[in-house]
């Protein structure tokens, strides 16, 4: 008998299509802002094309660079490669590149544009605290993100959020510098740019939150499907969360920029991130996994 959690998750597909539609609208807004700033047709097309191509080819590299992750070979980490090879062979997936982050904070993430071009990364800290079955659950969770392609949406939304924030700053300081200028039309144009940038940033912010929480439940579920051991992932989440709670705030703040990608966010007590977390409460995730385990018997 197939349990509900073992069936295909169509919810993540619907959310990805919706978010991509909103992101397409943001591309149009981005082009409109460039036009309002006085750029001509060809400069706008060059900038837009360059932006899209740069995001497509370099987004995963930017994530790896910002995290300090390094691609590793099977000679360097034979056990890690072996676990991933076992998961992908059972689930008919291409093997991703594997990276390790030299950081004692236990965590993991995936990046890339799809199953054929992806990287799964783990920190040295997570390798120290998990056994092989627990690590398998974590890696299967990240591979589910790859299979679902939701990491591509998160990367795009995060990029838009960053650009919109920079435009807001540029527009604000530009208008402050030109305060008192007689050209009121120019001032009105700057105000429009700031407003559009703010709306873009706000939409990107909520896209990240809207899909992030659901995608974590979906990836937990996918891990349980791939491994058949939901309790092992629950154990891993408990260990990661427990270790994270003992980590100094200054260490957590250094990696908070990657929270949307992490399996469990690194949130310091001095940040507002806990008010708008990219992840659902870890306690609820653990309970869902334990319920899956109980339904198997």
Foldseek 3Di string as FASTA:
>chain_A
DDDPLLDDDCPLVVLVVVLVVVLVVVLVLVLVLVVLVPDDDVVSVVVSVVVVVCCQPCLQVVVCVLQVKDFDDCVVPVLVQVLQVVLCVLVVFDRETEIEGADLQWWWFKAHQARVYIYTYTYVNLVVQADSLLVSLRVQLRVLCRHSRVRSSLSSLLVLLVVLVVLLVVLVVVLVVCPPPPPVVVNVSSVVSNVSSVVSNVSSLVSLQVSLAVSLLSSLSSSCNSNVQLLSNLVSLVRSVVVLVVDDLVSLVSPQVCQSGINHHNDHPPDCCVVRPSYDDSVVSSVVSVVVNVVVD
